[in-house]
């Protein structure tokens, strides 16, 4: 089913508003890095902070609440409607934001890792199918769906090492992974028309942002 030009324009407008909302009043990158590092290294972290990676910490501390509020305001949703629309990997830790998992149960026919030989992929297809533990899991960071008017999948990345080459590599990987999830066909409630990369650049020189800004 094709997406109309009006729907594309409306979704793009929403994402621009979301981008501006995320960027407003953020602390300096070094402050954010110190905060995220402290949470990550804390041996007595709260249950809500026991997440798989620093990008998860950054996403749920900063991006997820802003996506929730921006979507609710943009579509005039109730709290319950916004929670139903916003699906997250860690929905059980953040019930005030989401009440459903974003996971695509059948997974993905292709591995997320770049460069896997075709014969290895074919071998994985020969194995008995399981929708509980498919060969290639499909678990983006989050997704917006009905009753929100646009279906948007979100992938998050966290960059703190610095260096132009590393930033360029990370940017390519991050955009690829966003497209990797966006490109999956509809299945059992999974259906996204748009993809959004939420990138946290806390590198000393802002190398990831520089790599993005350098693109035509």
C-alpha atoms as a PDB file:
ATOM      1  CA  UNK A   1       0.000   0.000   0.000  1.00  0.00           C
ATOM      2  CA  UNK A   2       1.525   3.305  -1.071  1.00  0.00           C
ATOM      3  CA  UNK A   3       1.966   6.240   1.281  1.00  0.00           C
ATOM      4  CA  UNK A   4       0.496   9.521   0.123  1.00  0.00           C
ATOM      5  CA  UNK A   5       2.563  12.661  -0.212  1.00  0.00           C
ATOM      6  CA  UNK A   6       0.415  14.310   2.464  1.00  0.00           C
ATOM      7  CA  UNK A   7       1.080  11.488   4.922  1.00  0.00           C
ATOM      8  CA  UNK A   8       4.812  11.660   4.230  1.00  0.00           C
ATOM      9  CA  UNK A   9       4.792  15.412   4.798  1.00  0.00           C
ATOM     10  CA  UNK A  10       2.806  15.032   8.011  1.00  0.00           C
ATOM     11  CA  UNK A  11       5.127  12.343   9.378  1.00  0.00           C
ATOM     12  CA  UNK A  12       8.179  14.418   8.457  1.00  0.00           C
ATOM     13  CA  UNK A  13       6.692  17.436  10.213  1.00  0.00           C
ATOM     14  CA  UNK A  14       6.128  15.354  13.346  1.00  0.00           C
ATOM     15  CA  UNK A  15       9.700  14.040  13.276  1.00  0.00           C
ATOM     16  CA  UNK A  16      11.074  17.563  12.865  1.00  0.00           C
ATOM     17  CA  UNK A  17       9.058  18.691  15.902  1.00  0.00           C
ATOM     18  CA  UNK A  18      10.357  15.665  17.805  1.00  0.00           C
ATOM     19  CA  UNK A  19      13.951  16.428  16.803  1.00  0.00           C
ATOM     20  CA  UNK A  20      13.666  20.020  18.017  1.00  0.00           C
ATOM     21  CA  UNK A  21      12.013  18.872  21.235  1.00  0.00           C
ATOM     22  CA  UNK A  22      14.806  16.376  21.894  1.00  0.00           C
ATOM     23  CA  UNK A  23      17.523  18.935  21.232  1.00  0.00           C
ATOM     24  CA  UNK A  24      16.016  21.689  23.383  1.00  0.00           C
ATOM     25  CA  UNK A  25      17.561  22.288  26.800  1.00  0.00           C
ATOM     26  CA  UNK A  26      19.902  19.297  26.651  1.00  0.00           C
ATOM     27  CA  UNK A  27      22.952  19.482  28.934  1.00  0.00           C
ATOM     28  CA  UNK A  28      26.395  19.610  27.248  1.00  0.00           C
ATOM     29  CA  UNK A  29      27.616  16.278  25.824  1.00  0.00           C
ATOM     30  CA  UNK A  30      30.261  15.819  28.525  1.00  0.00           C
ATOM     31  CA  UNK A  31      27.597  16.219  31.214  1.00  0.00           C
ATOM     32  CA  UNK A  32      25.389  13.641  29.517  1.00  0.00           C
ATOM     33  CA  UNK A  33      28.313  11.241  29.128  1.00  0.00           C
ATOM     34  CA  UNK A  34      29.204  11.525  32.810  1.00  0.00           C
ATOM     35  CA  UNK A  35      25.586  10.890  33.785  1.00  0.00           C
ATOM     36  CA  UNK A  36      25.192   7.862  31.517  1.00  0.00           C
ATOM     37  CA  UNK A  37      28.584   6.444  32.558  1.00  0.00           C
ATOM     38  CA  UNK A  38      27.632   6.773  36.224  1.00  0.00           C
ATOM     39  CA  UNK A  39      24.382   4.879  35.687  1.00  0.00           C
ATOM     40  CA  UNK A  40      26.094   2.216  33.581  1.00  0.00           C
ATOM     41  CA  UNK A  41      28.887   1.607  36.112  1.00  0.00           C
ATOM     42  CA  UNK A  42      26.729   1.734  39.240  1.00  0.00           C
ATOM     43  CA  UNK A  43      26.699  -1.772  40.804  1.00  0.00           C
ATOM     44  CA  UNK A  44      23.561  -0.866  42.756  1.00  0.00           C
ATOM     45  CA  UNK A  45      21.566   0.623  39.907  1.00  0.00           C
ATOM     46  CA  UNK A  46      17.783   0.758  40.149  1.00  0.00           C
ATOM     47  CA  UNK A  47      15.767  -1.945  38.385  1.00  0.00           C
ATOM     48  CA  UNK A  48      14.705   0.504  35.681  1.00  0.00           C
ATOM     49  CA  UNK A  49      18.369   1.232  34.971  1.00  0.00           C
ATOM     50  CA  UNK A  50      19.347  -2.417  34.451  1.00  0.00           C
ATOM     51  CA  UNK A  51      19.386  -2.164  30.676  1.00  0.00           C
ATOM     52  CA  UNK A  52      21.454  -3.897  28.015  1.00  0.00           C
ATOM     53  CA  UNK A  53      23.554  -0.949  26.835  1.00  0.00           C
ATOM     54  CA  UNK A  54      24.359   2.729  27.240  1.00  0.00           C
ATOM     55  CA  UNK A  55      22.211   3.517  24.227  1.00  0.00           C
ATOM     56  CA  UNK A  56      19.276   1.949  26.099  1.00  0.00           C
ATOM     57  CA  UNK A  57      19.983   4.151  29.114  1.00  0.00           C
ATOM     58  CA  UNK A  58      20.161   7.275  26.970  1.00  0.00           C
ATOM     59  CA  UNK A  59      17.041   6.337  25.025  1.00  0.00           C
ATOM     60  CA  UNK A  60      14.822   5.659  28.028  1.00  0.00           C
ATOM     61  CA  UNK A  61      16.127   8.544  30.098  1.00  0.00           C
ATOM     62  CA  UNK A  62      15.857  11.218  27.389  1.00  0.00           C
ATOM     63  CA  UNK A  63      14.237  10.098  24.135  1.00  0.00           C
ATOM     64  CA  UNK A  64      11.410   7.767  25.175  1.00  0.00           C
ATOM     65  CA  UNK A  65       9.577  10.236  27.460  1.00  0.00           C
ATOM     66  CA  UNK A  66       9.886  12.956  24.803  1.00  0.00           C
ATOM     67  CA  UNK A  67       8.597  10.673  22.015  1.00  0.00           C
ATOM     68  CA  UNK A  68       5.669   9.708  24.238  1.00  0.00           C
ATOM     69  CA  UNK A  69       4.734  13.296  25.093  1.00  0.00           C
ATOM     70  CA  UNK A  70       5.285  14.653  21.583  1.00  0.00           C
ATOM     71  CA  UNK A  71       3.167  11.899  20.014  1.00  0.00           C
ATOM     72  CA  UNK A  72       0.427  12.364  22.602  1.00  0.00           C
ATOM     73  CA  UNK A  73       0.268  16.112  21.973  1.00  0.00           C
ATOM     74  CA  UNK A  74       0.542  15.839  18.174  1.00  0.00           C
ATOM     75  CA  UNK A  75      -2.329  13.364  17.855  1.00  0.00           C
ATOM     76  CA  UNK A  76      -4.342  14.555  20.873  1.00  0.00           C
ATOM     77  CA  UNK A  77      -4.127  11.096  22.478  1.00  0.00           C
ATOM     78  CA  UNK A  78      -5.090  10.143  26.014  1.00  0.00           C
ATOM     79  CA  UNK A  79      -2.423   8.664  28.305  1.00  0.00           C
ATOM     80  CA  UNK A  80      -3.840   5.177  27.690  1.00  0.00           C
ATOM     81  CA  UNK A  81      -3.908   5.689  23.915  1.00  0.00           C
ATOM     82  CA  UNK A  82      -0.328   6.969  23.914  1.00  0.00           C
ATOM     83  CA  UNK A  83       0.848   3.938  25.916  1.00  0.00           C
ATOM     84  CA  UNK A  84      -0.885   1.639  23.422  1.00  0.00           C
ATOM     85  CA  UNK A  85       0.683   3.468  20.482  1.00  0.00           C
ATOM     86  CA  UNK A  86       4.245   3.522  21.860  1.00  0.00           C
ATOM     87  CA  UNK A  87       5.822   0.057  21.874  1.00  0.00           C
ATOM     88  CA  UNK A  88       9.184  -0.492  23.559  1.00  0.00           C
ATOM     89  CA  UNK A  89      11.661  -3.270  24.239  1.00  0.00           C
ATOM     90  CA  UNK A  90      11.604  -2.468  27.976  1.00  0.00           C
ATOM     91  CA  UNK A  91       7.872  -1.720  28.194  1.00  0.00           C
ATOM     92  CA  UNK A  92       7.621  -3.710  31.436  1.00  0.00           C
ATOM     93  CA  UNK A  93      10.144  -1.403  33.131  1.00  0.00           C
ATOM     94  CA  UNK A  94       8.446   1.757  31.861  1.00  0.00           C
ATOM     95  CA  UNK A  95       4.685   1.077  32.102  1.00  0.00           C
ATOM     96  CA  UNK A  96       3.946   4.813  32.221  1.00  0.00           C
ATOM     97  CA  UNK A  97       5.210   5.041  28.615  1.00  0.00           C
ATOM     98  CA  UNK A  98       4.262   1.748  26.989  1.00  0.00           C
ATOM     99  CA  UNK A  99       2.199  -1.385  27.496  1.00  0.00           C
ATOM    100  CA  UNK A 100       3.473  -3.568  24.647  1.00  0.00           C
ATOM    101  CA  UNK A 101       6.690  -4.964  23.217  1.00  0.00           C
ATOM    102  CA  UNK A 102       7.992  -3.691  19.875  1.00  0.00           C
ATOM    103  CA  UNK A 103       9.429  -7.096  18.978  1.00  0.00           C
ATOM    104  CA  UNK A 104       8.518  -8.741  15.660  1.00  0.00           C
ATOM    105  CA  UNK A 105       7.942 -12.344  16.759  1.00  0.00           C
ATOM    106  CA  UNK A 106       8.884 -14.085  13.475  1.00  0.00           C
ATOM    107  CA  UNK A 107      12.163 -12.177  13.463  1.00  0.00           C
ATOM    108  CA  UNK A 108      13.991 -11.238  10.270  1.00  0.00           C
ATOM    109  CA  UNK A 109      15.004 -13.451   7.325  1.00  0.00           C
ATOM    110  CA  UNK A 110      18.461 -11.827   7.266  1.00  0.00           C
ATOM    111  CA  UNK A 111      21.011 -11.270  10.049  1.00  0.00           C
ATOM    112  CA  UNK A 112      21.617  -7.715  11.212  1.00  0.00           C
ATOM    113  CA  UNK A 113      25.382  -8.168  11.057  1.00  0.00           C
ATOM    114  CA  UNK A 114      26.873  -6.968   7.789  1.00  0.00           C
ATOM    115  CA  UNK A 115      28.918  -9.319   5.640  1.00  0.00           C
ATOM    116  CA  UNK A 116      27.421 -12.698   6.577  1.00  0.00           C
ATOM    117  CA  UNK A 117      28.058 -15.098   3.645  1.00  0.00           C
ATOM    118  CA  UNK A 118      24.907 -16.044   1.679  1.00  0.00           C
ATOM    119  CA  UNK A 119      25.549 -19.752   2.285  1.00  0.00           C
ATOM    120  CA  UNK A 120      25.439 -19.177   6.050  1.00  0.00           C
ATOM    121  CA  UNK A 121      22.123 -17.356   5.693  1.00  0.00           C
ATOM    122  CA  UNK A 122      20.743 -20.226   3.630  1.00  0.00           C
ATOM    123  CA  UNK A 123      21.851 -22.704   6.300  1.00  0.00           C
ATOM    124  CA  UNK A 124      19.892 -20.732   8.889  1.00  0.00           C
ATOM    125  CA  UNK A 125      16.774 -20.983   6.700  1.00  0.00           C
ATOM    126  CA  UNK A 126      17.051 -24.782   6.697  1.00  0.00           C
ATOM    127  CA  UNK A 127      16.706 -25.001  10.484  1.00  0.00           C
ATOM    128  CA  UNK A 128      13.244 -25.676  11.996  1.00  0.00           C
ATOM    129  CA  UNK A 129      11.302 -22.433  12.387  1.00  0.00           C
ATOM    130  CA  UNK A 130      10.551 -21.035  15.834  1.00  0.00           C
ATOM    131  CA  UNK A 131       8.744 -17.757  16.430  1.00  0.00           C
ATOM    132  CA  UNK A 132       9.895 -17.885  20.065  1.00  0.00           C
ATOM    133  CA  UNK A 133      13.591 -17.780  19.194  1.00  0.00           C
ATOM    134  CA  UNK A 134      13.931 -17.073  15.469  1.00  0.00           C
ATOM    135  CA  UNK A 135      17.420 -17.178  13.970  1.00  0.00           C
ATOM    136  CA  UNK A 136      17.485 -13.402  13.503  1.00  0.00           C
ATOM    137  CA  UNK A 137      15.681 -11.455  16.197  1.00  0.00           C
ATOM    138  CA  UNK A 138      13.888  -8.239  15.192  1.00  0.00           C
ATOM    139  CA  UNK A 139      13.994  -5.943  18.208  1.00  0.00           C
ATOM    140  CA  UNK A 140      14.365  -2.244  17.406  1.00  0.00           C
ATOM    141  CA  UNK A 141      14.349   0.253  20.249  1.00  0.00           C
ATOM    142  CA  UNK A 142      10.730   1.306  19.912  1.00  0.00           C
ATOM    143  CA  UNK A 143       7.852   1.933  17.545  1.00  0.00           C
ATOM    144  CA  UNK A 144       4.842   4.191  17.179  1.00  0.00           C
ATOM    145  CA  UNK A 145       1.667   2.716  15.705  1.00  0.00           C
ATOM    146  CA  UNK A 146      -2.139   3.034  15.982  1.00  0.00           C
ATOM    147  CA  UNK A 147      -3.865   4.944  17.445  1.00  0.00           C
ATOM    148  CA  UNK A 148      -1.020   7.322  16.504  1.00  0.00           C
ATOM    149  CA  UNK A 149      -1.602   8.276  12.834  1.00  0.00           C
ATOM    150  CA  UNK A 150       1.930   7.411  11.632  1.00  0.00           C
ATOM    151  CA  UNK A 151       3.772   4.108  11.939  1.00  0.00           C
ATOM    152  CA  UNK A 152       7.384   4.891  12.849  1.00  0.00           C
ATOM    153  CA  UNK A 153      10.116   2.522  13.991  1.00  0.00           C
ATOM    154  CA  UNK A 154      12.923   3.929  16.179  1.00  0.00           C
ATOM    155  CA  UNK A 155      16.509   2.750  16.457  1.00  0.00           C
ATOM    156  CA  UNK A 156      18.938   4.318  18.955  1.00  0.00           C
ATOM    157  CA  UNK A 157      22.727   4.598  18.886  1.00  0.00           C
ATOM    158  CA  UNK A 158      25.225   5.992  21.375  1.00  0.00           C
ATOM    159  CA  UNK A 159      28.612   7.338  20.262  1.00  0.00           C
ATOM    160  CA  UNK A 160      31.235   8.389  22.800  1.00  0.00           C
ATOM    161  CA  UNK A 161      34.629   7.264  21.482  1.00  0.00           C
ATOM    162  CA  UNK A 162      35.423  10.031  19.014  1.00  0.00           C
ATOM    163  CA  UNK A 163      37.373   9.976  15.765  1.00  0.00           C
ATOM    164  CA  UNK A 164      36.209  10.687  12.215  1.00  0.00           C
ATOM    165  CA  UNK A 165      36.613   7.139  10.883  1.00  0.00           C
ATOM    166  CA  UNK A 166      34.811   5.618  13.860  1.00  0.00           C
ATOM    167  CA  UNK A 167      32.011   8.159  13.551  1.00  0.00           C
ATOM    168  CA  UNK A 168      31.521   7.481   9.849  1.00  0.00           C
ATOM    169  CA  UNK A 169      31.430   3.732  10.481  1.00  0.00           C
ATOM    170  CA  UNK A 170      28.952   4.124  13.336  1.00  0.00           C
ATOM    171  CA  UNK A 171      26.709   6.390  11.253  1.00  0.00           C
ATOM    172  CA  UNK A 172      26.590   3.900   8.374  1.00  0.00           C
ATOM    173  CA  UNK A 173      25.835   1.054  10.780  1.00  0.00           C
ATOM    174  CA  UNK A 174      23.147   3.045  12.600  1.00  0.00           C
ATOM    175  CA  UNK A 175      21.328   4.075   9.429  1.00  0.00           C
ATOM    176  CA  UNK A 176      21.625   0.543   8.049  1.00  0.00           C
ATOM    177  CA  UNK A 177      20.050  -0.923  11.191  1.00  0.00           C
ATOM    178  CA  UNK A 178      17.183   1.584  11.029  1.00  0.00           C
ATOM    179  CA  UNK A 179      16.529   0.553   7.427  1.00  0.00           C
ATOM    180  CA  UNK A 180      16.967  -3.122   8.418  1.00  0.00           C
ATOM    181  CA  UNK A 181      13.947  -2.871  10.734  1.00  0.00           C
ATOM    182  CA  UNK A 182      11.938  -0.465   8.583  1.00  0.00           C
ATOM    183  CA  UNK A 183      12.146  -2.802   5.594  1.00  0.00           C
ATOM    184  CA  UNK A 184      10.368  -5.743   7.239  1.00  0.00           C
ATOM    185  CA  UNK A 185       6.897  -6.545   5.857  1.00  0.00           C
ATOM    186  CA  UNK A 186       3.748  -6.303   7.960  1.00  0.00           C
ATOM    187  CA  UNK A 187       3.113  -9.259  10.263  1.00  0.00           C
ATOM    188  CA  UNK A 188       0.881  -9.736  13.321  1.00  0.00           C
ATOM    189  CA  UNK A 189       0.663  -6.074  14.225  1.00  0.00           C
ATOM    190  CA  UNK A 190       4.157  -5.212  12.968  1.00  0.00           C
ATOM    191  CA  UNK A 191       3.924  -2.601  10.215  1.00  0.00           C
ATOM    192  CA  UNK A 192       6.058   0.534   9.937  1.00  0.00           C
ATOM    193  CA  UNK A 193       6.127   3.079   7.146  1.00  0.00           C
ATOM    194  CA  UNK A 194       8.889   5.337   8.474  1.00  0.00           C
ATOM    195  CA  UNK A 195      12.182   4.898  10.303  1.00  0.00           C
ATOM    196  CA  UNK A 196      13.839   7.282  12.743  1.00  0.00           C
ATOM    197  CA  UNK A 197      17.402   7.057  14.040  1.00  0.00           C
ATOM    198  CA  UNK A 198      17.900   8.625  17.482  1.00  0.00           C
ATOM    199  CA  UNK A 199      21.651   9.236  17.783  1.00  0.00           C
ATOM    200  CA  UNK A 200      23.348  10.335  20.996  1.00  0.00           C
ATOM    201  CA  UNK A 201      26.697  11.928  20.165  1.00  0.00           C
ATOM    202  CA  UNK A 202      28.661  12.598  23.352  1.00  0.00           C
ATOM    203  CA  UNK A 203      32.088  12.384  21.713  1.00  0.00           C
ATOM    204  CA  UNK A 204      34.524  15.183  22.643  1.00  0.00           C
ATOM    205  CA  UNK A 205      34.457  16.824  19.204  1.00  0.00           C
ATOM    206  CA  UNK A 206      30.945  15.869  18.076  1.00  0.00           C
ATOM    207  CA  UNK A 207      32.333  13.576  15.375  1.00  0.00           C
ATOM    208  CA  UNK A 208      29.101  11.682  14.706  1.00  0.00           C
ATOM    209  CA  UNK A 209      27.158  14.893  14.103  1.00  0.00           C
ATOM    210  CA  UNK A 210      30.009  16.137  11.908  1.00  0.00           C
ATOM    211  CA  UNK A 211      29.820  12.945   9.831  1.00  0.00           C
ATOM    212  CA  UNK A 212      26.078  13.501   9.363  1.00  0.00           C
ATOM    213  CA  UNK A 213      26.437  17.206   8.568  1.00  0.00           C
ATOM    214  CA  UNK A 214      29.069  16.423   5.930  1.00  0.00           C
ATOM    215  CA  UNK A 215      26.618  14.386   3.855  1.00  0.00           C
ATOM    216  CA  UNK A 216      25.013  16.099   0.830  1.00  0.00           C
END
